[in-house]
Amino acid sequence: MKEESFLRTWKGFTATHSPKICPPANA
């Protein structure tokens, strides 16, 4: 599903760019 790919991309983006934000997906 697209949601899984989105979550992976989101986690990768947050981990690489803004780990300080700690969004729900990375919580």
PDB file of N, CA and C in Angstrom:
ATOM      1  N   MET A   1       0.845  -1.206   0.000  1.00  0.00           N
ATOM      2  CA  MET A   1       0.000   0.000   0.000  1.00  0.00           C
ATOM      3  C   MET A   1       0.877   1.251   0.000  1.00  0.00           C
ATOM      4  N   LYS A   2       0.318   2.323  -0.466  1.00  0.00           N
ATOM      5  CA  LYS A   2       1.074   3.578  -0.544  1.00  0.00           C
ATOM      6  C   LYS A   2       1.392   4.117   0.850  1.00  0.00           C
ATOM      7  N   GLU A   3       0.535   3.785   1.814  1.00  0.00           N
ATOM      8  CA  GLU A   3       0.751   4.301   3.170  1.00  0.00           C
ATOM      9  C   GLU A   3       2.089   3.817   3.725  1.00  0.00           C
ATOM     10  N   GLU A   4       2.412   2.549   3.462  1.00  0.00           N
ATOM     11  CA  GLU A   4       3.672   1.994   3.968  1.00  0.00           C
ATOM     12  C   GLU A   4       4.865   2.739   3.368  1.00  0.00           C
ATOM     13  N   SER A   5       4.810   2.980   2.061  1.00  0.00           N
ATOM     14  CA  SER A   5       5.902   3.695   1.402  1.00  0.00           C
ATOM     15  C   SER A   5       6.008   5.107   1.953  1.00  0.00           C
ATOM     16  N   PHE A   6       4.856   5.726   2.198  1.00  0.00           N
ATOM     17  CA  PHE A   6       4.842   7.087   2.729  1.00  0.00           C
ATOM     18  C   PHE A   6       5.478   7.121   4.110  1.00  0.00           C
ATOM     19  N   LEU A   7       5.116   6.148   4.941  1.00  0.00           N
ATOM     20  CA  LEU A   7       5.674   6.096   6.302  1.00  0.00           C
ATOM     21  C   LEU A   7       7.187   5.916   6.241  1.00  0.00           C
ATOM     22  N   ARG A   8       7.645   5.039   5.357  1.00  0.00           N
ATOM     23  CA  ARG A   8       9.093   4.806   5.230  1.00  0.00           C
ATOM     24  C   ARG A   8       9.787   6.085   4.788  1.00  0.00           C
ATOM     25  N   THR A   9       9.201   6.754   3.797  1.00  0.00           N
ATOM     26  CA  THR A   9       9.796   8.000   3.300  1.00  0.00           C
ATOM     27  C   THR A   9       9.767   9.065   4.384  1.00  0.00           C
ATOM     28  N   TRP A  10       8.661   9.144   5.131  1.00  0.00           N
ATOM     29  CA  TRP A  10       8.509  10.140   6.182  1.00  0.00           C
ATOM     30  C   TRP A  10       9.530   9.913   7.287  1.00  0.00           C
ATOM     31  N   LYS A  11       9.661   8.633   7.707  1.00  0.00           N
ATOM     32  CA  LYS A  11      10.633   8.298   8.760  1.00  0.00           C
ATOM     33  C   LYS A  11      12.040   8.642   8.292  1.00  0.00           C
ATOM     34  N   GLY A  12      12.355   8.294   7.055  1.00  0.00           N
ATOM     35  CA  GLY A  12      13.679   8.581   6.516  1.00  0.00           C
ATOM     36  C   GLY A  12      13.915  10.080   6.440  1.00  0.00           C
ATOM     37  N   PHE A  13      12.891  10.826   6.040  1.00  0.00           N
ATOM     38  CA  PHE A  13      13.011  12.273   5.924  1.00  0.00           C
ATOM     39  C   PHE A  13      13.220  12.910   7.289  1.00  0.00           C
ATOM     40  N   THR A  14      12.407  12.508   8.262  1.00  0.00           N
ATOM     41  CA  THR A  14      12.506  13.094   9.598  1.00  0.00           C
ATOM     42  C   THR A  14      13.834  12.713  10.245  1.00  0.00           C
ATOM     43  N   ALA A  15      14.263  11.469  10.038  1.00  0.00           N
ATOM     44  CA  ALA A  15      15.513  10.998  10.646  1.00  0.00           C
ATOM     45  C   ALA A  15      16.715  11.713  10.032  1.00  0.00           C
ATOM     46  N   THR A  16      16.578  12.082   8.756  1.00  0.00           N
ATOM     47  CA  THR A  16      17.699  12.717   8.061  1.00  0.00           C
ATOM     48  C   THR A  16      17.677  14.235   8.200  1.00  0.00           C
ATOM     49  N   HIS A  17      16.482  14.832   8.172  1.00  0.00           N
ATOM     50  CA  HIS A  17      16.387  16.293   8.163  1.00  0.00           C
ATOM     51  C   HIS A  17      15.980  16.877   9.512  1.00  0.00           C
ATOM     52  N   SER A  18      14.888  16.371  10.089  1.00  0.00           N
ATOM     53  CA  SER A  18      14.398  16.987  11.319  1.00  0.00           C
ATOM     54  C   SER A  18      14.046  15.960  12.396  1.00  0.00           C
ATOM     55  N   PRO A  19      15.048  15.340  13.006  1.00  0.00           N
ATOM     56  CA  PRO A  19      14.792  14.380  14.085  1.00  0.00           C
ATOM     57  C   PRO A  19      14.286  15.079  15.342  1.00  0.00           C
ATOM     58  N   LYS A  20      14.490  16.386  15.416  1.00  0.00           N
ATOM     59  CA  LYS A  20      14.069  17.145  16.598  1.00  0.00           C
ATOM     60  C   LYS A  20      12.552  17.325  16.639  1.00  0.00           C
ATOM     61  N   ILE A  21      11.906  17.258  15.473  1.00  0.00           N
ATOM     62  CA  ILE A  21      10.458  17.490  15.415  1.00  0.00           C
ATOM     63  C   ILE A  21       9.697  16.337  16.073  1.00  0.00           C
ATOM     64  N   CYS A  22      10.157  15.103  15.850  1.00  0.00           N
ATOM     65  CA  CYS A  22       9.493  13.916  16.407  1.00  0.00           C
ATOM     66  C   CYS A  22       8.013  13.894  16.057  1.00  0.00           C
ATOM     67  N   PRO A  23       7.663  13.692  14.786  1.00  0.00           N
ATOM     68  CA  PRO A  23       6.272  13.637  14.345  1.00  0.00           C
ATOM     69  C   PRO A  23       5.606  12.350  14.796  1.00  0.00           C
ATOM     70  N   PRO A  24       4.276  12.250  14.719  1.00  0.00           N
ATOM     71  CA  PRO A  24       3.527  11.059  15.127  1.00  0.00           C
ATOM     72  C   PRO A  24       4.066   9.798  14.457  1.00  0.00           C
ATOM     73  N   ALA A  25       4.499   9.906  13.218  1.00  0.00           N
ATOM     74  CA  ALA A  25       4.982   8.738  12.485  1.00  0.00           C
ATOM     75  C   ALA A  25       6.293   8.226  13.086  1.00  0.00           C
ATOM     76  N   ASN A  26       7.052   9.134  13.693  1.00  0.00           N
ATOM     77  CA  ASN A  26       8.354   8.761  14.250  1.00  0.00           C
ATOM     78  C   ASN A  26       8.270   8.599  15.762  1.00  0.00           C
ATOM     79  N   ALA A  27       7.111   8.892  16.339  1.00  0.00           N
ATOM     80  CA  ALA A  27       6.957   8.834  17.793  1.00  0.00           C
ATOM     81  C   ALA A  27       7.110   7.408  18.297  1.00  0.00           C
TER      82      ALA A  27
END
